[in-house]
């Protein structure tokens, strides 16, 4: 089973965010487990997402995740401004979003990339 570790500054408590995250976690549960961790524990090699990062299409992101999973069975994803020594960040969205919305969007993108990598349609 793939382990997805998401590092972020805050944990989301509003009801919409909880329901949306639970829905995507449920959709991913047959192939991955998802855990949230404190931002300051992100390991080297984590994939950083921030508004000023490089924009990627969903298929490009799917390719990036597949390459990362060839190294091991864990994806380390960071939602925040990167540390100064991070060489690349990926743009999740060009608009500013609240932390809860950003987390839901990241999990939706993770779900989409797994659907793409398994050759399944992802528009639901």
N, C-alpha and C. Protein backbone atom coordinates (compact mmCIF):
# COMPACT_ATOMS: atom_id res chain seq x y z
N UNK A 1 0.85 -1.18 0.00
CA UNK A 1 0.00 0.00 0.00
C UNK A 1 0.89 1.24 0.00
N UNK A 2 0.49 2.23 -0.75
CA UNK A 2 1.22 3.49 -0.84
C UNK A 2 0.88 4.34 0.38
N UNK A 3 1.90 4.99 0.92
CA UNK A 3 1.70 5.91 2.03
C UNK A 3 1.84 7.33 1.50
N UNK A 4 0.83 8.14 1.75
CA UNK A 4 0.87 9.55 1.37
C UNK A 4 0.91 10.36 2.65
N UNK A 5 1.98 11.11 2.82
CA UNK A 5 2.14 11.95 4.00
C UNK A 5 2.04 13.40 3.54
N UNK A 6 1.10 14.13 4.10
CA UNK A 6 0.88 15.52 3.73
C UNK A 6 1.31 16.40 4.90
N UNK A 7 2.24 17.29 4.62
CA UNK A 7 2.78 18.19 5.64
C UNK A 7 2.16 19.56 5.43
N UNK A 8 1.58 20.11 6.49
CA UNK A 8 0.96 21.42 6.40
C UNK A 8 1.01 22.12 7.75
N UNK A 9 0.81 23.42 7.70
CA UNK A 9 0.93 24.22 8.92
C UNK A 9 -0.24 24.01 9.87
N UNK A 10 -1.44 23.84 9.34
CA UNK A 10 -2.61 23.73 10.22
C UNK A 10 -3.46 22.53 9.82
N UNK A 11 -4.17 22.00 10.79
CA UNK A 11 -5.13 20.94 10.51
C UNK A 11 -6.50 21.58 10.43
N UNK A 12 -7.32 21.10 9.54
CA UNK A 12 -8.57 21.77 9.19
C UNK A 12 -9.73 21.19 9.98
N UNK A 13 -10.51 22.09 10.53
CA UNK A 13 -11.60 21.65 11.39
C UNK A 13 -12.98 22.01 10.89
N UNK A 14 -13.09 22.83 9.86
CA UNK A 14 -14.44 23.20 9.43
C UNK A 14 -15.12 21.98 8.79
N UNK A 15 -16.43 21.89 8.92
CA UNK A 15 -17.16 20.69 8.46
C UNK A 15 -17.01 20.39 6.97
N UNK A 16 -17.02 21.40 6.11
CA UNK A 16 -16.88 21.15 4.68
C UNK A 16 -15.54 20.51 4.38
N UNK A 17 -14.48 21.06 4.94
CA UNK A 17 -13.14 20.53 4.70
C UNK A 17 -13.03 19.10 5.19
N UNK A 18 -13.54 18.83 6.37
CA UNK A 18 -13.49 17.46 6.91
C UNK A 18 -14.21 16.48 6.00
N UNK A 19 -15.40 16.85 5.53
CA UNK A 19 -16.17 15.96 4.65
C UNK A 19 -15.46 15.74 3.33
N UNK A 20 -14.93 16.80 2.74
CA UNK A 20 -14.25 16.68 1.45
C UNK A 20 -12.98 15.84 1.56
N UNK A 21 -12.19 16.07 2.60
CA UNK A 21 -10.98 15.27 2.81
C UNK A 21 -11.33 13.81 3.07
N UNK A 22 -12.39 13.59 3.83
CA UNK A 22 -12.82 12.21 4.10
C UNK A 22 -13.26 11.51 2.81
N UNK A 23 -13.94 12.23 1.93
CA UNK A 23 -14.39 11.65 0.67
C UNK A 23 -13.21 11.22 -0.20
N UNK A 24 -12.23 12.10 -0.37
CA UNK A 24 -11.08 11.74 -1.19
C UNK A 24 -10.23 10.67 -0.52
N UNK A 25 -10.12 10.69 0.79
CA UNK A 25 -9.39 9.64 1.50
C UNK A 25 -10.06 8.29 1.29
N UNK A 26 -11.39 8.28 1.31
CA UNK A 26 -12.15 7.06 1.06
C UNK A 26 -11.91 6.55 -0.36
N UNK A 27 -11.92 7.46 -1.34
CA UNK A 27 -11.70 7.07 -2.73
C UNK A 27 -10.29 6.49 -2.93
N UNK A 28 -9.34 7.00 -2.18
CA UNK A 28 -7.95 6.54 -2.32
C UNK A 28 -7.63 5.33 -1.44
N UNK A 29 -8.52 4.97 -0.53
CA UNK A 29 -8.20 3.98 0.51
C UNK A 29 -7.83 2.60 -0.02
N UNK A 30 -8.27 2.24 -1.20
CA UNK A 30 -7.93 0.90 -1.70
C UNK A 30 -6.49 0.81 -2.19
N UNK A 31 -5.84 1.97 -2.42
CA UNK A 31 -4.46 1.94 -2.90
C UNK A 31 -3.49 2.74 -2.04
N UNK A 32 -4.01 3.59 -1.16
CA UNK A 32 -3.11 4.45 -0.39
C UNK A 32 -3.69 4.78 0.98
N UNK A 33 -2.79 4.99 1.92
CA UNK A 33 -3.19 5.53 3.22
C UNK A 33 -2.68 6.96 3.30
N UNK A 34 -3.45 7.82 3.94
CA UNK A 34 -3.11 9.24 4.00
C UNK A 34 -2.95 9.64 5.46
N UNK A 35 -1.84 10.33 5.73
CA UNK A 35 -1.60 10.85 7.07
C UNK A 35 -1.18 12.30 6.96
N UNK A 36 -1.56 13.08 7.94
CA UNK A 36 -1.18 14.49 7.99
C UNK A 36 -0.13 14.65 9.07
N UNK A 37 0.88 15.44 8.75
CA UNK A 37 1.98 15.62 9.69
C UNK A 37 2.29 17.10 9.83
N UNK A 38 3.04 17.41 10.88
CA UNK A 38 3.46 18.79 11.11
C UNK A 38 4.42 19.23 10.01
N UNK A 39 4.28 20.46 9.63
CA UNK A 39 5.07 21.00 8.54
C UNK A 39 6.56 20.92 8.79
N UNK A 40 6.99 21.12 10.01
CA UNK A 40 8.43 21.15 10.28
C UNK A 40 9.11 19.79 10.20
N UNK A 41 8.36 18.72 9.95
CA UNK A 41 8.95 17.39 9.85
C UNK A 41 9.10 16.89 8.42
N UNK A 42 8.91 17.76 7.41
CA UNK A 42 8.99 17.32 6.02
C UNK A 42 10.42 16.88 5.68
N UNK A 43 10.56 15.70 5.09
CA UNK A 43 11.90 15.18 4.79
C UNK A 43 12.47 15.77 3.50
N UNK A 44 13.76 15.59 3.32
CA UNK A 44 14.38 15.96 2.04
C UNK A 44 13.75 15.12 0.95
N UNK A 45 13.58 15.70 -0.21
CA UNK A 45 12.97 14.98 -1.32
C UNK A 45 11.46 15.10 -1.37
N UNK A 46 10.86 15.80 -0.41
CA UNK A 46 9.40 16.00 -0.43
C UNK A 46 9.04 16.87 -1.63
N UNK A 47 7.82 16.72 -2.10
CA UNK A 47 7.32 17.53 -3.22
C UNK A 47 6.55 18.71 -2.62
N UNK A 48 7.00 19.93 -2.95
CA UNK A 48 6.41 21.14 -2.39
C UNK A 48 5.39 21.74 -3.36
N UNK A 49 4.27 22.18 -2.79
CA UNK A 49 3.22 22.85 -3.56
C UNK A 49 3.04 24.25 -2.97
N UNK A 50 3.11 25.27 -3.83
CA UNK A 50 2.84 26.64 -3.40
C UNK A 50 2.39 27.46 -4.60
N UNK A 51 1.81 28.61 -4.34
CA UNK A 51 1.21 29.42 -5.41
C UNK A 51 2.24 29.90 -6.42
N UNK A 52 3.48 30.06 -6.05
CA UNK A 52 4.50 30.55 -6.97
C UNK A 52 5.28 29.46 -7.68
N UNK A 53 4.83 28.23 -7.59
CA UNK A 53 5.57 27.11 -8.17
C UNK A 53 5.34 26.95 -9.66
N UNK A 54 5.93 25.91 -10.21
CA UNK A 54 5.82 25.59 -11.63
C UNK A 54 4.45 24.97 -11.90
N UNK A 55 3.69 25.52 -12.85
CA UNK A 55 2.40 24.90 -13.16
C UNK A 55 2.60 23.59 -13.94
N UNK A 56 1.88 22.56 -13.55
CA UNK A 56 1.91 21.27 -14.24
C UNK A 56 0.49 20.86 -14.58
N UNK A 57 0.33 20.15 -15.69
CA UNK A 57 -0.97 19.56 -16.01
C UNK A 57 -1.17 18.33 -15.12
N UNK A 58 -2.39 17.84 -15.07
CA UNK A 58 -2.65 16.62 -14.29
C UNK A 58 -1.82 15.44 -14.79
N UNK A 59 -1.72 15.22 -16.11
CA UNK A 59 -0.86 14.12 -16.58
C UNK A 59 0.62 14.31 -16.20
N UNK A 60 1.11 15.54 -16.23
CA UNK A 60 2.49 15.79 -15.83
C UNK A 60 2.69 15.49 -14.34
N UNK A 61 1.72 15.87 -13.53
CA UNK A 61 1.80 15.58 -12.10
C UNK A 61 1.72 14.07 -11.86
N UNK A 62 0.89 13.39 -12.63
CA UNK A 62 0.79 11.93 -12.52
C UNK A 62 2.13 11.28 -12.83
N UNK A 63 2.81 11.77 -13.84
CA UNK A 63 4.13 11.25 -14.20
C UNK A 63 5.13 11.51 -13.08
N UNK A 64 5.08 12.69 -12.48
CA UNK A 64 5.98 13.03 -11.37
C UNK A 64 5.74 12.09 -10.18
N UNK A 65 4.49 11.86 -9.85
CA UNK A 65 4.19 10.96 -8.73
C UNK A 65 4.64 9.53 -9.04
N UNK A 66 4.41 9.07 -10.27
CA UNK A 66 4.82 7.72 -10.65
C UNK A 66 6.33 7.56 -10.53
N UNK A 67 7.08 8.57 -10.95
CA UNK A 67 8.54 8.52 -10.83
C UNK A 67 8.96 8.46 -9.36
N UNK A 68 8.31 9.25 -8.53
CA UNK A 68 8.62 9.26 -7.09
C UNK A 68 8.33 7.90 -6.47
N UNK A 69 7.26 7.26 -6.90
CA UNK A 69 6.87 5.97 -6.33
C UNK A 69 7.73 4.81 -6.83
N UNK A 70 8.52 5.03 -7.87
CA UNK A 70 9.46 4.01 -8.30
C UNK A 70 10.62 3.89 -7.32
N UNK A 71 10.87 4.96 -6.58
CA UNK A 71 11.94 4.98 -5.59
C UNK A 71 11.50 4.30 -4.29
N UNK A 72 10.23 4.39 -3.97
CA UNK A 72 9.69 3.80 -2.75
C UNK A 72 8.18 3.86 -2.77
N UNK A 73 7.55 3.46 -1.67
CA UNK A 73 6.09 3.44 -1.66
C UNK A 73 5.49 4.61 -0.88
N UNK A 74 6.25 5.70 -0.73
CA UNK A 74 5.75 6.87 0.00
C UNK A 74 5.82 8.12 -0.85
N UNK A 75 4.77 8.94 -0.72
CA UNK A 75 4.77 10.28 -1.30
C UNK A 75 4.74 11.26 -0.15
N UNK A 76 5.70 12.17 -0.14
CA UNK A 76 5.75 13.22 0.88
C UNK A 76 5.39 14.53 0.18
N UNK A 77 4.25 15.10 0.53
CA UNK A 77 3.73 16.28 -0.13
C UNK A 77 3.62 17.41 0.88
N UNK A 78 4.11 18.59 0.51
CA UNK A 78 4.15 19.72 1.42
C UNK A 78 3.31 20.86 0.87
N UNK A 79 2.41 21.39 1.70
CA UNK A 79 1.60 22.55 1.35
C UNK A 79 2.10 23.74 2.14
N UNK A 80 2.92 24.57 1.52
CA UNK A 80 3.42 25.75 2.21
C UNK A 80 4.51 26.39 1.37
N UNK A 81 4.98 27.52 1.83
CA UNK A 81 6.15 28.11 1.21
C UNK A 81 7.33 27.20 1.48
N UNK A 82 8.14 26.96 0.47
CA UNK A 82 9.24 26.00 0.64
C UNK A 82 10.39 26.56 1.47
N UNK A 83 11.17 25.64 2.00
CA UNK A 83 12.41 26.02 2.66
C UNK A 83 13.34 26.61 1.60
N UNK A 84 14.30 27.38 2.01
CA UNK A 84 15.20 28.04 1.07
C UNK A 84 16.02 27.05 0.24
N UNK A 85 16.23 25.84 0.73
CA UNK A 85 17.05 24.88 -0.01
C UNK A 85 16.25 23.98 -0.96
N UNK A 86 14.96 24.23 -1.13
CA UNK A 86 14.13 23.45 -2.04
C UNK A 86 14.34 23.98 -3.45
N UNK A 87 14.70 23.07 -4.37
CA UNK A 87 15.02 23.50 -5.72
C UNK A 87 13.80 23.70 -6.61
N UNK A 88 12.69 23.03 -6.30
CA UNK A 88 11.52 23.15 -7.16
C UNK A 88 10.24 23.08 -6.34
N UNK A 89 9.27 23.87 -6.75
CA UNK A 89 7.93 23.79 -6.18
C UNK A 89 6.94 23.65 -7.33
N UNK A 90 5.80 23.09 -7.01
CA UNK A 90 4.74 22.89 -8.00
C UNK A 90 3.57 23.78 -7.62
N UNK A 91 3.02 24.43 -8.62
CA UNK A 91 1.87 25.30 -8.39
C UNK A 91 0.61 24.45 -8.31
N UNK A 92 -0.07 24.54 -7.19
CA UNK A 92 -1.33 23.81 -7.02
C UNK A 92 -2.45 24.56 -7.73
N UNK A 93 -2.46 25.86 -7.55
CA UNK A 93 -3.45 26.73 -8.18
C UNK A 93 -2.87 28.14 -8.18
N UNK A 94 -3.25 28.95 -9.15
CA UNK A 94 -2.69 30.30 -9.23
C UNK A 94 -3.43 31.30 -8.34
N UNK A 95 -4.58 30.93 -7.84
CA UNK A 95 -5.35 31.83 -6.98
C UNK A 95 -5.02 31.57 -5.51
N UNK A 96 -5.07 32.60 -4.68
CA UNK A 96 -4.86 32.36 -3.25
C UNK A 96 -6.07 31.63 -2.66
N UNK A 97 -5.81 30.61 -1.86
CA UNK A 97 -6.88 29.83 -1.25
C UNK A 97 -6.65 29.71 0.25
N UNK A 98 -7.70 29.40 0.97
CA UNK A 98 -7.53 29.12 2.40
C UNK A 98 -6.84 27.77 2.54
N UNK A 99 -6.26 27.52 3.70
CA UNK A 99 -5.57 26.25 3.94
C UNK A 99 -6.45 25.04 3.74
N UNK A 100 -7.71 25.12 4.18
CA UNK A 100 -8.62 23.99 4.03
C UNK A 100 -8.92 23.69 2.58
N UNK A 101 -9.18 24.71 1.80
CA UNK A 101 -9.48 24.53 0.38
C UNK A 101 -8.25 24.00 -0.35
N UNK A 102 -7.08 24.50 0.03
CA UNK A 102 -5.84 24.04 -0.58
C UNK A 102 -5.61 22.55 -0.30
N UNK A 103 -5.90 22.11 0.91
CA UNK A 103 -5.74 20.70 1.27
C UNK A 103 -6.68 19.81 0.47
N UNK A 104 -7.92 20.25 0.32
CA UNK A 104 -8.89 19.48 -0.46
C UNK A 104 -8.44 19.41 -1.92
N UNK A 105 -7.99 20.52 -2.46
CA UNK A 105 -7.54 20.54 -3.85
C UNK A 105 -6.33 19.63 -4.04
N UNK A 106 -5.41 19.62 -3.10
CA UNK A 106 -4.25 18.73 -3.21
C UNK A 106 -4.70 17.28 -3.21
N UNK A 107 -5.59 16.91 -2.31
CA UNK A 107 -6.04 15.52 -2.26
C UNK A 107 -6.82 15.14 -3.52
N UNK A 108 -7.57 16.08 -4.07
CA UNK A 108 -8.27 15.83 -5.34
C UNK A 108 -7.25 15.57 -6.45
N UNK A 109 -6.17 16.34 -6.47
CA UNK A 109 -5.13 16.14 -7.48
C UNK A 109 -4.43 14.79 -7.30
N UNK A 110 -4.20 14.39 -6.07
CA UNK A 110 -3.61 13.08 -5.80
C UNK A 110 -4.52 11.99 -6.35
N UNK A 111 -5.82 12.10 -6.05
CA UNK A 111 -6.80 11.14 -6.56
C UNK A 111 -6.76 11.11 -8.09
N UNK A 112 -6.75 12.26 -8.71
CA UNK A 112 -6.73 12.36 -10.17
C UNK A 112 -5.48 11.71 -10.74
N UNK A 113 -4.32 11.94 -10.13
CA UNK A 113 -3.08 11.36 -10.67
C UNK A 113 -3.10 9.83 -10.59
N UNK A 114 -3.67 9.28 -9.52
CA UNK A 114 -3.74 7.83 -9.43
C UNK A 114 -4.70 7.27 -10.47
N UNK A 115 -5.78 7.95 -10.73
CA UNK A 115 -6.71 7.51 -11.78
C UNK A 115 -6.00 7.53 -13.14
N UNK A 116 -5.26 8.60 -13.42
CA UNK A 116 -4.52 8.71 -14.68
C UNK A 116 -3.51 7.59 -14.79
N UNK A 117 -2.73 7.36 -13.74
CA UNK A 117 -1.68 6.35 -13.78
C UNK A 117 -2.23 4.93 -13.89
N UNK A 118 -3.49 4.72 -13.52
CA UNK A 118 -4.12 3.41 -13.66
C UNK A 118 -4.96 3.32 -14.94
N UNK A 119 -4.89 4.35 -15.78
CA UNK A 119 -5.61 4.34 -17.05
C UNK A 119 -7.12 4.44 -16.90
N UNK A 120 -7.56 5.00 -15.79
CA UNK A 120 -9.00 5.10 -15.53
C UNK A 120 -9.46 6.55 -15.76
N UNK A 121 -10.72 6.73 -16.14
CA UNK A 121 -11.23 8.11 -16.27
C UNK A 121 -11.31 8.77 -14.90
N UNK A 122 -11.09 10.05 -14.86
CA UNK A 122 -11.08 10.73 -13.57
C UNK A 122 -12.09 11.87 -13.47
N UNK A 123 -12.89 12.08 -14.48
CA UNK A 123 -13.90 13.13 -14.42
C UNK A 123 -15.16 12.56 -13.81
N UNK A 124 -15.45 12.95 -12.58
CA UNK A 124 -16.68 12.47 -11.91
C UNK A 124 -17.50 13.64 -11.49
